[in-house]
Amino acid sequence: MEISQLPWTEIGIFWTSIVLVLITVAATLFNYLFFRSQIDPEVIVYVTPDEKRPSIIMLVIENIGCGLAKDISFSYSRPIPQDAFGFENAQVPKNMNYGPLITGIPALGPKSKRFITWGQYGGLEKGIGNDVIHVTVTYKSDYRFPLGKRTHKTICPLDIKSFEGTDASDKNWDKKAADQLEKIATVLNQAVSEFRSLKIDLIKHTNSEGKNGVAS
């Protein structure tokens, strides 16, 4: 019997069954993807300013996933500059030939990072200009079931042009506070060691009503 010849109730049951099957498949796929997101690593490479060293720009390799990444290797759309320091009169930097982006990383745990001092804006601009370097990160993770390894790939764009005109002031407040405390301690130590008293000058002045006053 063709579907067009079935009673309306049976047609309704048929399509309801189809919808339930699709919902079940979608729910299963969603649960699988959610499960993978809880156990898979995700290794990325990005550019960030160093807040404790003014004008210094860093490369960071980070596993932002929840699993252990193994056998991490990197490839590039073009050579990456290295030790690119300097400002307006910076020289063209050499291509990177050492470090984790060259040799790879055997393993990187969840939330683990590697920091690379990349350079300063002037030197990096001479080495990259307006280009964007695409770094392809290839790595593996262990299957829970069945046994074996799964290969992952992440493509990360790196640029320097977006840092043009951004704030590169010194934000290392801990170091600034420590430097000031060290200066205070030095003055106090000198005063104690040399038996020198602290001197406060009082300046006599006349206020608007003609009365004498003292300013400290």
C-alpha atoms as a PDB file:
ATOM      1  CA  MET A   1       0.000   0.000   0.000  1.00  0.00           C
ATOM      2  CA  GLU A   2       1.335   3.435  -0.945  1.00  0.00           C
ATOM      3  CA  ILE A   3       1.663   6.239   1.634  1.00  0.00           C
ATOM      4  CA  SER A   4      -1.037   8.242  -0.174  1.00  0.00           C
ATOM      5  CA  GLN A   5      -3.494   5.377   0.396  1.00  0.00           C
ATOM      6  CA  LEU A   6      -2.821   5.077   4.170  1.00  0.00           C
ATOM      7  CA  PRO A   7      -5.285   6.530   6.691  1.00  0.00           C
ATOM      8  CA  TRP A   8      -4.380   9.952   8.055  1.00  0.00           C
ATOM      9  CA  THR A   9      -3.591   8.535  11.487  1.00  0.00           C
ATOM     10  CA  GLU A  10      -1.025   6.121  10.064  1.00  0.00           C
ATOM     11  CA  ILE A  11       0.525   8.896   7.966  1.00  0.00           C
ATOM     12  CA  GLY A  12       0.810  11.025  11.103  1.00  0.00           C
ATOM     13  CA  ILE A  13       2.456   8.170  13.008  1.00  0.00           C
ATOM     14  CA  PHE A  14       4.873   7.598  10.114  1.00  0.00           C
ATOM     15  CA  TRP A  15       6.068  11.215   9.978  1.00  0.00           C
ATOM     16  CA  THR A  16       6.206  11.439  13.763  1.00  0.00           C
ATOM     17  CA  SER A  17       8.519   8.432  13.763  1.00  0.00           C
ATOM     18  CA  ILE A  18      10.747  10.079  11.146  1.00  0.00           C
ATOM     19  CA  VAL A  19      10.961  13.274  13.220  1.00  0.00           C
ATOM     20  CA  LEU A  20      11.791  11.322  16.384  1.00  0.00           C
ATOM     21  CA  VAL A  21      14.568   9.465  14.563  1.00  0.00           C
ATOM     22  CA  LEU A  22      16.050  12.750  13.338  1.00  0.00           C
ATOM     23  CA  ILE A  23      15.849  14.250  16.835  1.00  0.00           C
ATOM     24  CA  THR A  24      17.552  11.184  18.282  1.00  0.00           C
ATOM     25  CA  VAL A  25      20.352  11.332  15.720  1.00  0.00           C
ATOM     26  CA  ALA A  26      20.854  15.072  16.302  1.00  0.00           C
ATOM     27  CA  ALA A  27      20.890  14.619  20.084  1.00  0.00           C
ATOM     28  CA  THR A  28      23.415  11.796  19.793  1.00  0.00           C
ATOM     29  CA  LEU A  29      25.659  13.903  17.550  1.00  0.00           C
ATOM     30  CA  PHE A  30      25.398  16.868  19.931  1.00  0.00           C
ATOM     31  CA  ASN A  31      26.272  14.699  22.928  1.00  0.00           C
ATOM     32  CA  TYR A  32      29.259  13.256  21.076  1.00  0.00           C
ATOM     33  CA  LEU A  33      30.568  16.704  20.109  1.00  0.00           C
ATOM     34  CA  PHE A  34      30.090  17.931  23.682  1.00  0.00           C
ATOM     35  CA  PHE A  35      31.948  14.885  24.990  1.00  0.00           C
ATOM     36  CA  ARG A  36      34.813  15.477  22.563  1.00  0.00           C
ATOM     37  CA  SER A  37      35.046  19.126  23.662  1.00  0.00           C
ATOM     38  CA  GLN A  38      35.518  17.964  27.247  1.00  0.00           C
ATOM     39  CA  ILE A  39      38.433  15.640  26.494  1.00  0.00           C
ATOM     40  CA  ASP A  40      40.124  16.994  23.351  1.00  0.00           C
ATOM     41  CA  PRO A  41      43.091  19.388  23.406  1.00  0.00           C
ATOM     42  CA  GLU A  42      43.142  22.564  21.318  1.00  0.00           C
ATOM     43  CA  VAL A  43      46.546  24.138  20.717  1.00  0.00           C
ATOM     44  CA  ILE A  44      46.659  27.697  19.396  1.00  0.00           C
ATOM     45  CA  VAL A  45      49.349  30.315  18.689  1.00  0.00           C
ATOM     46  CA  TYR A  46      48.619  34.017  19.215  1.00  0.00           C
ATOM     47  CA  VAL A  47      50.300  37.427  19.562  1.00  0.00           C
ATOM     48  CA  THR A  48      50.033  39.481  22.759  1.00  0.00           C
ATOM     49  CA  PRO A  49      51.833  42.477  24.321  1.00  0.00           C
ATOM     50  CA  ASP A  50      53.986  41.872  27.393  1.00  0.00           C
ATOM     51  CA  GLU A  51      52.358  43.964  30.135  1.00  0.00           C
ATOM     52  CA  LYS A  52      55.468  43.799  32.326  1.00  0.00           C
ATOM     53  CA  ARG A  53      57.937  44.886  29.635  1.00  0.00           C
ATOM     54  CA  PRO A  54      56.893  48.011  27.724  1.00  0.00           C
ATOM     55  CA  SER A  55      56.904  47.740  23.899  1.00  0.00           C
ATOM     56  CA  ILE A  56      57.735  44.005  23.935  1.00  0.00           C
ATOM     57  CA  ILE A  57      55.447  41.726  21.897  1.00  0.00           C
ATOM     58  CA  MET A  58      55.138  38.031  22.693  1.00  0.00           C
ATOM     59  CA  LEU A  59      54.143  34.871  20.855  1.00  0.00           C
ATOM     60  CA  VAL A  60      52.190  32.448  23.007  1.00  0.00           C
ATOM     61  CA  ILE A  61      51.581  28.755  22.355  1.00  0.00           C
ATOM     62  CA  GLU A  62      48.691  27.586  24.522  1.00  0.00           C
ATOM     63  CA  ASN A  63      46.581  24.466  24.945  1.00  0.00           C
ATOM     64  CA  ILE A  64      43.143  25.934  25.631  1.00  0.00           C
ATOM     65  CA  GLY A  65      41.492  22.499  25.525  1.00  0.00           C
ATOM     66  CA  CYS A  66      40.839  19.975  28.281  1.00  0.00           C
ATOM     67  CA  GLY A  67      43.074  17.124  27.112  1.00  0.00           C
ATOM     68  CA  LEU A  68      46.786  16.437  26.714  1.00  0.00           C
ATOM     69  CA  ALA A  69      48.195  17.396  23.299  1.00  0.00           C
ATOM     70  CA  LYS A  70      51.064  15.244  22.013  1.00  0.00           C
ATOM     71  CA  ASP A  71      53.563  15.406  19.136  1.00  0.00           C
ATOM     72  CA  ILE A  72      52.880  19.086  18.422  1.00  0.00           C
ATOM     73  CA  SER A  73      54.416  20.472  15.221  1.00  0.00           C
ATOM     74  CA  PHE A  74      54.082  23.765  13.362  1.00  0.00           C
ATOM     75  CA  SER A  75      54.133  24.861   9.728  1.00  0.00           C
ATOM     76  CA  TYR A  76      53.843  28.388   8.300  1.00  0.00           C
ATOM     77  CA  SER A  77      52.520  30.204   5.255  1.00  0.00           C
ATOM     78  CA  ARG A  78      55.765  32.227   5.246  1.00  0.00           C
ATOM     79  CA  PRO A  79      58.890  32.451   7.465  1.00  0.00           C
ATOM     80  CA  ILE A  80      58.404  33.901  10.960  1.00  0.00           C
ATOM     81  CA  PRO A  81      60.815  36.676  12.029  1.00  0.00           C
ATOM     82  CA  GLN A  82      62.908  36.202  15.160  1.00  0.00           C
ATOM     83  CA  ASP A  83      64.365  38.659  17.722  1.00  0.00           C
ATOM     84  CA  ALA A  84      62.755  41.538  15.811  1.00  0.00           C
ATOM     85  CA  PHE A  85      63.732  44.425  18.088  1.00  0.00           C
ATOM     86  CA  GLY A  86      63.813  48.122  17.285  1.00  0.00           C
ATOM     87  CA  PHE A  87      61.569  51.032  16.398  1.00  0.00           C
ATOM     88  CA  GLU A  88      61.579  53.393  13.386  1.00  0.00           C
ATOM     89  CA  ASN A  89      65.135  52.571  12.325  1.00  0.00           C
ATOM     90  CA  ALA A  90      64.915  48.834  13.029  1.00  0.00           C
ATOM     91  CA  GLN A  91      66.751  46.398  10.794  1.00  0.00           C
ATOM     92  CA  VAL A  92      65.020  43.593   8.911  1.00  0.00           C
ATOM     93  CA  PRO A  93      65.041  40.651  11.350  1.00  0.00           C
ATOM     94  CA  LYS A  94      66.293  37.169  10.601  1.00  0.00           C
ATOM     95  CA  ASN A  95      63.952  34.227  10.094  1.00  0.00           C
ATOM     96  CA  MET A  96      63.207  32.108  13.136  1.00  0.00           C
ATOM     97  CA  ASN A  97      65.551  29.119  13.416  1.00  0.00           C
ATOM     98  CA  TYR A  98      65.193  27.946  17.022  1.00  0.00           C
ATOM     99  CA  GLY A  99      62.572  27.521  19.721  1.00  0.00           C
ATOM    100  CA  PRO A 100      59.369  25.467  20.077  1.00  0.00           C
ATOM    101  CA  LEU A 101      57.843  26.760  16.832  1.00  0.00           C
ATOM    102  CA  ILE A 102      60.803  25.186  15.008  1.00  0.00           C
ATOM    103  CA  THR A 103      61.528  22.056  17.041  1.00  0.00           C
ATOM    104  CA  GLY A 104      57.950  21.273  18.083  1.00  0.00           C
ATOM    105  CA  ILE A 105      56.641  20.278  21.526  1.00  0.00           C
ATOM    106  CA  PRO A 106      56.412  16.637  22.689  1.00  0.00           C
ATOM    107  CA  ALA A 107      53.450  17.280  24.990  1.00  0.00           C
ATOM    108  CA  LEU A 108      51.415  20.221  26.290  1.00  0.00           C
ATOM    109  CA  GLY A 109      48.939  19.782  29.133  1.00  0.00           C
ATOM    110  CA  PRO A 110      45.586  21.560  29.516  1.00  0.00           C
ATOM    111  CA  LYS A 111      45.981  25.339  30.011  1.00  0.00           C
ATOM    112  CA  SER A 112      49.773  25.028  29.616  1.00  0.00           C
ATOM    113  CA  LYS A 113      51.681  27.727  27.699  1.00  0.00           C
ATOM    114  CA  ARG A 114      55.004  28.484  26.067  1.00  0.00           C
ATOM    115  CA  PHE A 115      56.077  32.144  25.845  1.00  0.00           C
ATOM    116  CA  ILE A 116      58.370  33.505  23.128  1.00  0.00           C
ATOM    117  CA  THR A 117      59.766  37.047  23.210  1.00  0.00           C
ATOM    118  CA  TRP A 118      59.056  37.989  19.605  1.00  0.00           C
ATOM    119  CA  GLY A 119      60.308  41.579  19.401  1.00  0.00           C
ATOM    120  CA  GLN A 120      59.067  45.164  19.174  1.00  0.00           C
ATOM    121  CA  TYR A 121      56.647  46.801  16.772  1.00  0.00           C
ATOM    122  CA  GLY A 122      59.289  48.484  14.583  1.00  0.00           C
ATOM    123  CA  GLY A 123      61.349  45.343  14.084  1.00  0.00           C
ATOM    124  CA  LEU A 124      58.325  43.116  13.528  1.00  0.00           C
ATOM    125  CA  GLU A 125      56.797  45.598  11.079  1.00  0.00           C
ATOM    126  CA  LYS A 126      60.039  45.455   9.084  1.00  0.00           C
ATOM    127  CA  GLY A 127      59.843  41.660   9.059  1.00  0.00           C
ATOM    128  CA  ILE A 128      56.120  41.210   8.345  1.00  0.00           C
ATOM    129  CA  GLY A 129      54.653  44.500   7.155  1.00  0.00           C
ATOM    130  CA  ASN A 130      50.932  44.188   6.447  1.00  0.00           C
ATOM    131  CA  ASP A 131      51.106  40.440   5.876  1.00  0.00           C
ATOM    132  CA  VAL A 132      49.379  37.817   7.993  1.00  0.00           C
ATOM    133  CA  ILE A 133      51.294  34.634   8.807  1.00  0.00           C
ATOM    134  CA  HIS A 134      49.101  31.543   9.061  1.00  0.00           C
ATOM    135  CA  VAL A 135      50.535  28.982  11.460  1.00  0.00           C
ATOM    136  CA  THR A 136      49.151  25.457  11.125  1.00  0.00           C
ATOM    137  CA  VAL A 137      49.385  23.529  14.398  1.00  0.00           C
ATOM    138  CA  THR A 138      49.241  19.727  14.081  1.00  0.00           C
ATOM    139  CA  TYR A 139      48.947  17.572  17.205  1.00  0.00           C
ATOM    140  CA  LYS A 140      47.535  14.315  18.524  1.00  0.00           C
ATOM    141  CA  SER A 141      45.407  13.122  21.417  1.00  0.00           C
ATOM    142  CA  ASP A 142      44.620   9.689  22.818  1.00  0.00           C
ATOM    143  CA  TYR A 143      41.279   8.051  22.127  1.00  0.00           C
ATOM    144  CA  ARG A 144      39.398   6.915  25.213  1.00  0.00           C
ATOM    145  CA  PHE A 145      37.755   4.139  23.192  1.00  0.00           C
ATOM    146  CA  PRO A 146      38.879   2.462  21.041  1.00  0.00           C
ATOM    147  CA  LEU A 147      42.611   2.675  21.724  1.00  0.00           C
ATOM    148  CA  GLY A 148      44.694   4.828  19.392  1.00  0.00           C
ATOM    149  CA  LYS A 149      45.479   8.462  18.610  1.00  0.00           C
ATOM    150  CA  ARG A 150      43.455  11.167  16.941  1.00  0.00           C
ATOM    151  CA  THR A 151      45.111  13.905  14.849  1.00  0.00           C
ATOM    152  CA  HIS A 152      44.029  17.547  15.132  1.00  0.00           C
ATOM    153  CA  LYS A 153      44.829  20.687  13.158  1.00  0.00           C
ATOM    154  CA  THR A 154      44.365  24.338  14.088  1.00  0.00           C
ATOM    155  CA  ILE A 155      45.176  27.293  11.810  1.00  0.00           C
ATOM    156  CA  CYS A 156      46.180  30.493  13.631  1.00  0.00           C
ATOM    157  CA  PRO A 157      46.705  33.893  11.902  1.00  0.00           C
ATOM    158  CA  LEU A 158      49.539  36.082  13.251  1.00  0.00           C
ATOM    159  CA  ASP A 159      49.885  39.772  12.372  1.00  0.00           C
ATOM    160  CA  ILE A 160      51.637  42.887  13.670  1.00  0.00           C
ATOM    161  CA  LYS A 161      49.743  45.651  11.850  1.00  0.00           C
ATOM    162  CA  SER A 162      46.862  45.522  14.352  1.00  0.00           C
ATOM    163  CA  PHE A 163      49.281  46.712  17.071  1.00  0.00           C
ATOM    164  CA  GLU A 164      49.881  50.028  15.275  1.00  0.00           C
ATOM    165  CA  GLY A 165      48.867  52.945  17.487  1.00  0.00           C
ATOM    166  CA  THR A 166      48.086  50.777  20.513  1.00  0.00           C
ATOM    167  CA  ASP A 167      49.206  51.510  24.082  1.00  0.00           C
ATOM    168  CA  ALA A 168      52.693  50.252  24.924  1.00  0.00           C
ATOM    169  CA  SER A 169      53.113  52.020  28.282  1.00  0.00           C
ATOM    170  CA  ASP A 170      54.633  50.357  31.319  1.00  0.00           C
ATOM    171  CA  LYS A 171      51.902  48.492  33.233  1.00  0.00           C
ATOM    172  CA  ASN A 172      54.211  46.575  35.545  1.00  0.00           C
ATOM    173  CA  TRP A 173      52.751  48.120  38.709  1.00  0.00           C
ATOM    174  CA  ASP A 174      54.301  45.490  40.976  1.00  0.00           C
ATOM    175  CA  LYS A 175      57.780  46.412  39.765  1.00  0.00           C
ATOM    176  CA  LYS A 176      57.047  50.137  40.017  1.00  0.00           C
ATOM    177  CA  ALA A 177      55.861  49.753  43.618  1.00  0.00           C
ATOM    178  CA  ALA A 178      58.902  47.636  44.454  1.00  0.00           C
ATOM    179  CA  ASP A 179      61.235  50.261  42.951  1.00  0.00           C
ATOM    180  CA  GLN A 180      59.635  53.027  45.001  1.00  0.00           C
ATOM    181  CA  LEU A 181      59.839  50.978  48.198  1.00  0.00           C
ATOM    182  CA  GLU A 182      63.483  50.253  47.461  1.00  0.00           C
ATOM    183  CA  LYS A 183      64.194  53.982  47.089  1.00  0.00           C
ATOM    184  CA  ILE A 184      62.439  54.728  50.390  1.00  0.00           C
ATOM    185  CA  ALA A 185      64.368  51.961  52.127  1.00  0.00           C
ATOM    186  CA  THR A 186      67.650  53.325  50.744  1.00  0.00           C
ATOM    187  CA  VAL A 187      66.931  56.846  52.066  1.00  0.00           C
ATOM    188  CA  LEU A 188      65.966  55.503  55.510  1.00  0.00           C
ATOM    189  CA  ASN A 189      69.048  53.287  55.676  1.00  0.00           C
ATOM    190  CA  GLN A 190      71.270  56.255  54.827  1.00  0.00           C
ATOM    191  CA  ALA A 191      69.573  58.395  57.476  1.00  0.00           C
ATOM    192  CA  VAL A 192      70.067  55.710  60.131  1.00  0.00           C
ATOM    193  CA  SER A 193      73.629  54.844  59.164  1.00  0.00           C
ATOM    194  CA  GLU A 194      74.751  58.488  59.059  1.00  0.00           C
ATOM    195  CA  PHE A 195      72.645  59.600  62.070  1.00  0.00           C
ATOM    196  CA  ARG A 196      71.057  62.294  59.982  1.00  0.00           C
ATOM    197  CA  SER A 197      67.730  63.764  61.101  1.00  0.00           C
ATOM    198  CA  LEU A 198      64.899  64.464  58.729  1.00  0.00           C
ATOM    199  CA  LYS A 199      64.399  68.180  58.091  1.00  0.00           C
ATOM    200  CA  ILE A 200      61.028  69.845  57.500  1.00  0.00           C
ATOM    201  CA  ASP A 201      61.011  73.470  56.315  1.00  0.00           C
ATOM    202  CA  LEU A 202      58.208  75.789  57.452  1.00  0.00           C
ATOM    203  CA  ILE A 203      57.524  78.718  55.115  1.00  0.00           C
ATOM    204  CA  LYS A 204      55.956  81.879  56.544  1.00  0.00           C
ATOM    205  CA  HIS A 205      53.370  83.584  54.374  1.00  0.00           C
ATOM    206  CA  THR A 206      50.612  86.179  54.567  1.00  0.00           C
ATOM    207  CA  ASN A 207      47.033  85.251  53.766  1.00  0.00           C
ATOM    208  CA  SER A 208      44.474  87.419  52.021  1.00  0.00           C
ATOM    209  CA  GLU A 209      43.359  89.036  55.337  1.00  0.00           C
ATOM    210  CA  GLY A 210      46.879  90.179  56.182  1.00  0.00           C
ATOM    211  CA  LYS A 211      47.364  87.575  58.920  1.00  0.00           C
ATOM    212  CA  ASN A 212      50.494  85.554  59.165  1.00  0.00           C
ATOM    213  CA  GLY A 213      50.341  81.853  58.491  1.00  0.00           C
ATOM    214  CA  VAL A 214      52.641  78.907  58.226  1.00  0.00           C
ATOM    215  CA  ALA A 215      52.754  76.419  55.359  1.00  0.00           C
ATOM    216  CA  SER A 216      54.570  73.161  55.745  1.00  0.00           C
END
